[in-house]
Amino acid sequence: MAISLSFSQVFLLFLCLFQTPGTHSVLMMNIKNSCEDTIWPAYVSKPHSSELPKNSTGFTLRPGESKIVSAPANWDGTLWGRTHCSGNTTAHKFTCGTGDCGSSALECPSGTAAPAATTLAEFTPKGAAGEYAYSVSLAKGFNLPMTVVPRGNSHQSISDCKATGCVADLNKECPKDVQVVRGNDVIGCNSACEAFKETHDHYCGRSSTYSDHFKGLCPGTQAYENDKTNTFFSCASADYYDVNFCASSFPSSSPRFVTHSTASSPEVYGPGEELWDNSGKSTPLLIKIIASISGTIVGGPFLMWLVHIIWSRYQRADHSRPFFCHLKLIFECRSNWICNCCTNNSNPQENSSAMHHVPSKFPNQREQIMKKVRR
């Protein structure tokens, strides 16, 4: 059987075969476009980080294509995908609908701030040589689904390392007041911080209904700037990382926190409105305590009163009958076998029908039997 490998796969396999697993002098990333349209990935190094090689900070990927990017040791930076781009790359007239880095060129200069309404992948050196912390962030917003999967040699996912990212299309779930629209299409989704920071800066660096909405759909992503919940991962044994745009799912063999939730989305409010969602995540602790105390105050005495009534009637009743028979003194008897049992424990059917044989001309005797049955 013939085996077909792309050039990038052959190159990665060659590098992995001639290095010790988990020890690297460079950070290798295999960037893949699984989208239906062309995208333009962009890389930006953070201040004081080593620089990427030339022609690596911006390039074109057509549907199904992939490209290997080798970042120098201890590289610290961010990457994202640009969409709806047009213009002449050589004449510095290149612009994009989302993810534009403002350079008017295919490549993005070092130190460029990550643009709004863009899904970001971040890599940061973590102590040990060759180990990186990686994450997918929605703190600036969303434009493309993106996953990051650590890989070992032979292209296998690593069982003790987690994949992260977002496979949901949040453009379809984006609240209207933070949408990025081109024509009739939503091509991006701003974070609340980016959309309202001029007038409502309290959305920045903290949880809100908007960030909770996106976190519910993509649990393993960073939903806002200071979000530390299931957002940063590391893998000491990774040989390289698959960064896949528009992946429809995560590799089945790779453990992960992140799955696309199909639960109904919480209601999203506009700026300045109350930010309590339907899930109750934002309910203040004081209200929960008050509700708990109120339930105890109202429910506790009622339950004690009910037990007292049942027990006091049982003490005055005939103890030869089963205890449950005395419940009919409080609750209406709706079951014949309980009623029969309560009239006479030894022969319920005989006593149950006794009143039918009493002539109507003896009303007092009939009334006495009826009282016995009711007891």
Protein backbone atom coordinates (compact mmCIF):
# COMPACT_ATOMS: atom_id res chain seq x y z
CA MET A 1 0.00 0.00 0.00
CA ALA A 2 1.44 3.38 -1.00
CA ILE A 3 1.83 6.04 1.70
CA SER A 4 1.57 9.69 0.69
CA LEU A 5 3.28 12.36 2.80
CA SER A 6 3.40 16.09 2.20
CA PHE A 7 6.71 17.92 2.18
CA SER A 8 6.01 19.52 5.57
CA GLN A 9 5.25 16.10 7.11
CA VAL A 10 8.46 14.63 5.71
CA PHE A 11 10.45 17.59 7.02
CA LEU A 12 8.94 17.30 10.50
CA LEU A 13 9.56 13.56 10.59
CA PHE A 14 13.20 14.13 9.62
CA LEU A 15 13.70 16.66 12.41
CA CYS A 16 11.97 14.49 15.00
CA LEU A 17 14.06 11.43 14.19
CA PHE A 18 17.32 13.24 14.85
CA GLN A 19 16.56 14.85 18.16
CA THR A 20 15.97 13.66 21.70
CA PRO A 21 12.23 13.79 22.53
CA GLY A 22 11.31 16.79 24.64
CA THR A 23 14.62 18.62 24.16
CA HIS A 24 14.70 21.32 21.47
CA SER A 25 16.67 24.37 20.49
CA VAL A 26 13.75 25.74 18.45
CA LEU A 27 9.98 25.88 18.72
CA MET A 28 8.45 24.10 15.74
CA MET A 29 4.87 24.78 14.68
CA ASN A 30 2.99 23.13 11.85
CA ILE A 31 0.42 25.69 10.67
CA LYS A 32 -2.51 24.17 8.78
CA ASN A 33 -5.47 25.75 7.00
CA SER A 34 -8.57 23.56 7.31
CA CYS A 35 -10.86 26.45 6.35
CA GLU A 36 -12.82 26.66 3.12
CA ASP A 37 -11.15 29.96 2.24
CA THR A 38 -7.60 31.28 2.05
CA ILE A 39 -6.16 32.71 5.28
CA TRP A 40 -3.04 34.74 6.00
CA PRO A 41 -1.36 33.68 9.28
CA ALA A 42 0.57 36.37 11.16
CA TYR A 43 3.28 36.09 13.84
CA VAL A 44 4.38 38.80 16.25
CA SER A 45 7.24 38.57 18.77
CA LYS A 46 6.75 40.13 22.18
CA PRO A 47 9.19 42.77 23.46
CA HIS A 48 12.58 41.37 24.59
CA SER A 49 11.88 38.11 22.71
CA SER A 50 14.13 36.64 20.05
CA GLU A 51 13.01 37.49 16.52
CA LEU A 52 11.44 35.17 13.98
CA PRO A 53 13.21 34.45 10.69
CA LYS A 54 12.41 36.68 7.73
CA ASN A 55 9.31 35.72 5.73
CA SER A 56 7.85 33.94 8.80
CA THR A 57 5.84 36.79 10.29
CA GLY A 58 3.19 36.69 7.56
CA PHE A 59 2.33 34.34 4.70
CA THR A 60 -0.52 32.89 2.66
CA LEU A 61 -2.21 29.52 3.23
CA ARG A 62 -4.77 28.26 0.76
CA PRO A 63 -7.38 25.68 1.84
CA GLY A 64 -5.69 22.40 2.81
CA GLU A 65 -2.17 23.85 2.79
CA SER A 66 0.27 23.76 5.72
CA LYS A 67 3.57 25.44 6.55
CA ILE A 68 6.25 24.76 9.15
CA VAL A 69 7.47 27.72 11.17
CA SER A 70 10.59 27.29 13.31
CA ALA A 71 10.90 29.93 16.01
CA PRO A 72 14.25 30.43 17.77
CA ALA A 73 14.85 29.15 21.31
CA ASN A 74 12.90 30.99 24.00
CA TRP A 75 10.69 32.68 21.47
CA ASP A 76 7.78 34.45 23.16
CA GLY A 77 4.99 35.57 20.89
CA THR A 78 1.52 35.42 19.40
CA LEU A 79 0.06 34.14 16.15
CA TRP A 80 -3.32 34.49 14.51
CA GLY A 81 -5.07 34.10 11.17
CA ARG A 82 -6.11 37.00 8.95
CA THR A 83 -9.21 36.77 6.76
CA HIS A 84 -10.79 38.66 3.84
CA CYS A 85 -7.46 40.13 2.76
CA SER A 86 -6.84 41.97 -0.49
CA GLY A 87 -4.41 44.37 -2.15
CA ASN A 88 -0.87 44.37 -3.46
CA THR A 89 1.60 42.94 -0.95
CA THR A 90 4.63 44.46 -2.67
CA ALA A 91 3.15 47.96 -2.97
CA HIS A 92 2.23 48.12 0.72
CA LYS A 93 -1.49 48.19 -0.01
CA PHE A 94 -2.36 44.94 1.73
CA THR A 95 -5.36 45.05 4.10
CA CYS A 96 -7.51 42.44 5.84
CA GLY A 97 -11.07 42.34 7.11
CA THR A 98 -10.00 40.69 10.39
CA GLY A 99 -6.56 40.30 11.96
CA ASP A 100 -4.98 43.21 10.09
CA CYS A 101 -1.67 44.12 11.74
CA GLY A 102 -1.57 47.62 10.28
CA SER A 103 1.62 47.17 8.26
CA SER A 104 -0.09 47.34 4.83
CA ALA A 105 2.15 44.38 3.98
CA LEU A 106 2.03 40.59 4.14
CA GLU A 107 4.41 40.45 7.11
CA CYS A 108 3.77 41.98 10.50
CA PRO A 109 6.50 43.99 12.26
CA SER A 110 7.79 42.98 15.68
CA GLY A 111 5.98 44.61 18.59
CA THR A 112 2.67 44.94 16.74
CA ALA A 113 -0.26 44.75 19.14
CA ALA A 114 -2.66 41.88 18.54
CA PRO A 115 -5.70 43.24 16.67
CA ALA A 116 -9.27 43.17 17.93
CA ALA A 117 -11.82 40.52 16.90
CA THR A 118 -9.08 37.94 16.40
CA THR A 119 -8.49 34.44 17.81
CA LEU A 120 -4.94 34.28 19.23
CA ALA A 121 -2.52 31.45 19.96
CA GLU A 122 0.21 32.32 22.45
CA PHE A 123 3.50 30.56 23.22
CA THR A 124 5.68 31.46 26.21
CA PRO A 125 8.93 29.79 27.39
CA LYS A 126 8.47 27.91 30.66
CA GLY A 127 11.63 27.41 32.71
CA ALA A 128 13.03 24.13 31.40
CA ALA A 129 14.82 24.19 28.05
CA GLY A 130 12.43 23.57 25.20
CA GLU A 131 9.26 23.63 27.32
CA TYR A 132 6.53 26.12 26.46
CA ALA A 133 3.24 27.24 27.91
CA TYR A 134 0.61 27.51 25.18
CA SER A 135 -2.92 28.84 25.08
CA VAL A 136 -5.70 30.00 22.76
CA SER A 137 -7.14 33.37 23.72
CA LEU A 138 -10.45 35.12 23.02
CA ALA A 139 -9.45 38.14 25.11
CA LYS A 140 -9.34 40.26 21.93
CA GLY A 141 -12.27 38.51 20.31
CA PHE A 142 -12.75 35.81 17.66
CA ASN A 143 -12.48 35.44 13.90
CA LEU A 144 -11.52 31.80 13.23
CA PRO A 145 -11.76 28.46 15.06
CA MET A 146 -8.25 27.42 16.14
CA THR A 147 -6.67 24.47 17.96
CA VAL A 148 -3.18 23.84 19.35
CA VAL A 149 -2.17 20.18 19.70
CA PRO A 150 1.25 19.10 21.07
CA ARG A 151 2.81 16.27 19.06
CA GLY A 152 5.55 13.71 19.59
CA ASN A 153 7.63 12.04 16.91
CA SER A 154 5.79 10.07 14.21
CA HIS A 155 3.04 12.74 14.36
CA GLN A 156 1.39 11.10 17.39
CA SER A 157 -0.53 13.17 19.92
CA ILE A 158 0.90 12.84 23.42
CA SER A 159 -1.36 11.10 25.92
CA ASP A 160 -0.32 13.19 28.94
CA CYS A 161 -0.49 16.56 27.15
CA LYS A 162 -3.67 18.47 26.45
CA ALA A 163 -4.98 19.99 23.26
CA THR A 164 -6.62 23.38 23.58
CA GLY A 165 -8.52 25.85 21.45
CA CYS A 166 -11.98 26.47 20.09
CA VAL A 167 -13.67 24.44 17.35
CA ALA A 168 -16.96 26.37 17.55
CA ASP A 169 -17.74 29.11 15.04
CA LEU A 170 -18.38 31.95 17.47
CA ASN A 171 -19.22 34.30 14.60
CA LYS A 172 -22.57 32.49 14.49
CA GLU A 173 -22.99 32.91 18.26
CA CYS A 174 -21.81 36.52 18.47
CA PRO A 175 -24.06 39.09 20.21
CA LYS A 176 -25.16 41.77 17.79
CA ASP A 177 -23.53 44.68 19.61
CA VAL A 178 -20.02 43.20 19.32
CA GLN A 179 -20.21 41.83 15.76
CA VAL A 180 -17.77 42.74 12.98
CA VAL A 181 -19.88 42.83 9.82
CA ARG A 182 -18.87 42.92 6.17
CA GLY A 183 -21.84 43.23 3.86
CA ASN A 184 -24.41 40.84 5.27
CA ASP A 185 -21.86 38.50 6.86
CA VAL A 186 -20.47 38.43 10.40
CA ILE A 187 -16.72 37.96 9.87
CA GLY A 188 -15.54 38.57 13.42
CA CYS A 189 -16.64 38.99 17.01
CA ASN A 190 -15.15 41.58 19.37
CA SER A 191 -14.59 40.97 23.05
CA ALA A 192 -16.60 43.25 25.32
CA CYS A 193 -13.36 44.94 26.38
CA GLU A 194 -12.44 45.85 22.78
CA ALA A 195 -15.98 46.87 21.86
CA PHE A 196 -16.79 49.06 24.87
CA LYS A 197 -13.45 50.08 26.40
CA GLU A 198 -13.96 53.73 25.43
CA THR A 199 -17.11 54.02 27.54
CA HIS A 200 -17.27 50.88 29.72
CA ASP A 201 -13.73 49.90 30.71
CA HIS A 202 -15.04 47.68 33.51
CA TYR A 203 -15.36 44.92 30.89
CA CYS A 204 -11.55 44.72 30.63
CA GLY A 205 -9.60 42.26 32.76
CA ARG A 206 -12.61 40.73 34.47
CA SER A 207 -15.44 38.29 33.84
CA SER A 208 -18.68 39.51 32.29
CA THR A 209 -21.75 37.99 30.68
CA TYR A 210 -20.01 38.33 27.30
CA SER A 211 -16.89 36.43 28.41
CA ASP A 212 -19.03 33.82 30.22
CA HIS A 213 -20.95 33.31 26.97
CA PHE A 214 -17.75 32.55 25.01
CA LYS A 215 -16.21 30.51 27.85
CA GLY A 216 -19.29 28.30 27.85
CA LEU A 217 -18.85 27.56 24.15
CA CYS A 218 -15.05 27.17 24.31
CA PRO A 219 -14.14 26.20 27.93
CA GLY A 220 -10.38 25.80 27.41
CA THR A 221 -9.75 29.28 26.02
CA GLN A 222 -8.78 32.49 27.77
CA ALA A 223 -12.05 34.42 27.73
CA TYR A 224 -10.68 37.72 29.13
CA GLU A 225 -7.29 39.21 29.91
CA ASN A 226 -6.84 37.83 33.44
CA ASP A 227 -8.70 34.57 32.94
CA LYS A 228 -6.66 31.78 34.61
CA THR A 229 -9.25 28.99 34.55
CA ASN A 230 -8.18 26.08 32.30
CA THR A 231 -6.38 28.41 29.90
CA PHE A 232 -2.61 27.76 29.97
CA PHE A 233 -1.06 24.35 29.28
CA SER A 234 2.45 22.98 28.88
CA CYS A 235 4.02 19.81 27.53
CA ALA A 236 7.62 18.92 28.35
CA SER A 237 7.67 16.02 25.89
CA ALA A 238 6.34 17.87 22.83
CA ASP A 239 8.48 17.77 19.68
CA TYR A 240 6.31 20.25 17.79
CA TYR A 241 2.81 21.75 17.81
CA ASP A 242 -0.02 21.48 15.30
CA VAL A 243 -1.80 24.82 14.96
CA ASN A 244 -4.94 24.14 12.96
CA PHE A 245 -7.31 26.83 11.73
CA CYS A 246 -10.96 25.76 11.31
CA ALA A 247 -10.44 22.30 12.79
CA SER A 248 -13.84 20.63 13.13
CA SER A 249 -12.83 18.59 16.19
CA PHE A 250 -9.95 17.68 18.47
CA PRO A 251 -7.85 14.52 17.96
CA SER A 252 -9.67 11.68 19.72
CA SER A 253 -6.44 10.43 21.32
CA SER A 254 -5.55 13.78 22.87
CA PRO A 255 -7.01 14.58 26.32
CA ARG A 256 -8.48 18.04 26.59
CA PHE A 257 -10.65 20.34 28.65
CA VAL A 258 -12.06 21.98 25.58
CA THR A 259 -15.12 20.73 23.73
CA HIS A 260 -17.82 22.60 21.90
CA SER A 261 -20.76 22.87 24.25
CA THR A 262 -24.15 22.34 22.61
CA ALA A 263 -25.98 23.78 25.60
CA SER A 264 -28.20 26.75 24.96
CA SER A 265 -26.35 30.04 25.15
CA PRO A 266 -27.01 32.33 28.10
CA GLU A 267 -28.76 35.60 27.44
CA VAL A 268 -26.33 38.39 26.65
CA TYR A 269 -27.06 41.95 27.72
CA GLY A 270 -25.81 45.21 26.29
CA PRO A 271 -23.37 47.58 28.00
CA GLY A 272 -24.64 49.19 31.17
CA GLU A 273 -27.37 46.57 31.70
CA GLU A 274 -27.44 44.03 34.50
CA LEU A 275 -24.83 41.32 33.92
CA TRP A 276 -26.39 38.32 35.59
CA ASP A 277 -26.80 35.39 33.26
CA ASN A 278 -29.36 32.59 33.43
CA SER A 279 -26.85 30.08 34.80
CA GLY A 280 -26.56 32.02 38.08
CA LYS A 281 -22.76 32.20 37.87
CA SER A 282 -22.83 35.90 38.71
CA THR A 283 -25.29 35.67 41.62
CA PRO A 284 -23.75 37.41 44.64
CA LEU A 285 -22.87 35.22 47.60
CA LEU A 286 -24.97 37.41 49.95
CA ILE A 287 -28.15 36.62 48.00
CA LYS A 288 -27.38 32.89 48.12
CA ILE A 289 -26.93 33.09 51.92
CA ILE A 290 -30.17 35.05 52.36
CA ALA A 291 -32.07 32.55 50.22
CA SER A 292 -30.66 29.64 52.23
CA ILE A 293 -31.56 31.23 55.57
CA SER A 294 -35.06 32.12 54.33
CA GLY A 295 -35.67 28.54 53.25
CA THR A 296 -34.59 27.27 56.64
CA ILE A 297 -36.75 29.77 58.54
CA VAL A 298 -39.89 29.02 56.52
CA GLY A 299 -39.45 25.31 55.91
CA GLY A 300 -38.04 24.26 59.28
CA PRO A 301 -40.98 25.27 61.54
CA PHE A 302 -43.53 23.89 59.06
CA LEU A 303 -41.82 20.49 59.03
CA MET A 304 -41.58 20.44 62.84
CA TRP A 305 -45.29 21.31 63.11
CA LEU A 306 -46.25 18.52 60.71
CA VAL A 307 -44.21 15.91 62.61
CA HIS A 308 -45.69 17.11 65.93
CA ILE A 309 -49.28 16.76 64.64
CA ILE A 310 -48.71 13.26 63.27
CA TRP A 311 -46.92 12.06 66.41
CA SER A 312 -49.48 13.52 68.85
CA ARG A 313 -52.37 11.88 66.98
CA TYR A 314 -50.51 8.58 66.86
CA GLN A 315 -50.04 8.64 70.64
CA ARG A 316 -53.80 9.07 71.17
CA ALA A 317 -54.73 6.41 68.62
CA ASP A 318 -54.95 2.63 68.73
CA HIS A 319 -51.35 1.36 68.59
CA SER A 320 -52.40 -2.00 67.20
CA ARG A 321 -52.66 -0.41 63.78
CA PRO A 322 -49.60 0.27 61.60
CA PHE A 323 -48.22 3.79 61.92
CA PHE A 324 -48.85 4.69 58.28
CA CYS A 325 -52.57 4.13 58.84
CA HIS A 326 -52.67 7.19 61.08
CA LEU A 327 -51.58 9.43 58.22
CA LYS A 328 -55.16 9.30 56.96
CA LEU A 329 -56.12 11.46 59.94
CA ILE A 330 -54.32 14.36 58.24
CA PHE A 331 -54.31 13.45 54.55
CA GLU A 332 -57.39 12.35 52.64
CA CYS A 333 -57.51 8.61 52.20
CA ARG A 334 -57.15 7.97 48.47
CA SER A 335 -56.19 4.29 48.52
CA ASN A 336 -58.73 1.57 49.43
CA TRP A 337 -56.16 -0.80 50.87
CA ILE A 338 -54.93 1.89 53.29
CA CYS A 339 -58.49 2.73 54.32
CA ASN A 340 -59.31 -0.92 54.85
CA CYS A 341 -56.18 -1.44 56.87
CA CYS A 342 -57.03 1.48 59.09
CA THR A 343 -60.50 0.22 59.96
CA ASN A 344 -59.39 -3.14 61.29
CA ASN A 345 -55.85 -4.49 61.08
CA SER A 346 -56.92 -8.14 61.44
CA ASN A 347 -59.76 -8.28 58.92
CA PRO A 348 -60.00 -5.04 56.95
CA GLN A 349 -62.52 -6.19 54.37
CA GLU A 350 -65.04 -7.37 56.97
CA ASN A 351 -65.06 -4.12 58.92
CA SER A 352 -64.84 -2.06 55.77
CA SER A 353 -68.19 -3.31 54.57
CA ALA A 354 -69.87 -3.52 58.00
CA MET A 355 -71.70 -0.28 57.65
CA HIS A 356 -73.49 -1.50 54.53
CA HIS A 357 -75.35 -4.14 56.63
CA VAL A 358 -76.62 -1.69 59.24
CA PRO A 359 -80.25 -0.72 58.67
CA SER A 360 -80.87 2.95 58.20
CA LYS A 361 -83.35 2.87 61.10
CA PHE A 362 -80.41 2.66 63.53
CA PRO A 363 -78.68 5.97 62.73
CA ASN A 364 -76.71 6.11 65.97
CA GLN A 365 -75.14 2.70 65.43
CA ARG A 366 -74.38 3.59 61.81
CA GLU A 367 -72.70 6.81 62.93
CA GLN A 368 -70.55 4.94 65.46
CA ILE A 369 -69.28 2.55 62.79
CA MET A 370 -68.57 5.45 60.46
CA LYS A 371 -66.50 7.09 63.18
CA LYS A 372 -64.49 3.87 63.57
CA VAL A 373 -63.84 3.78 59.84
CA ARG A 374 -62.69 7.41 59.79
CA ARG A 375 -60.28 6.67 62.64
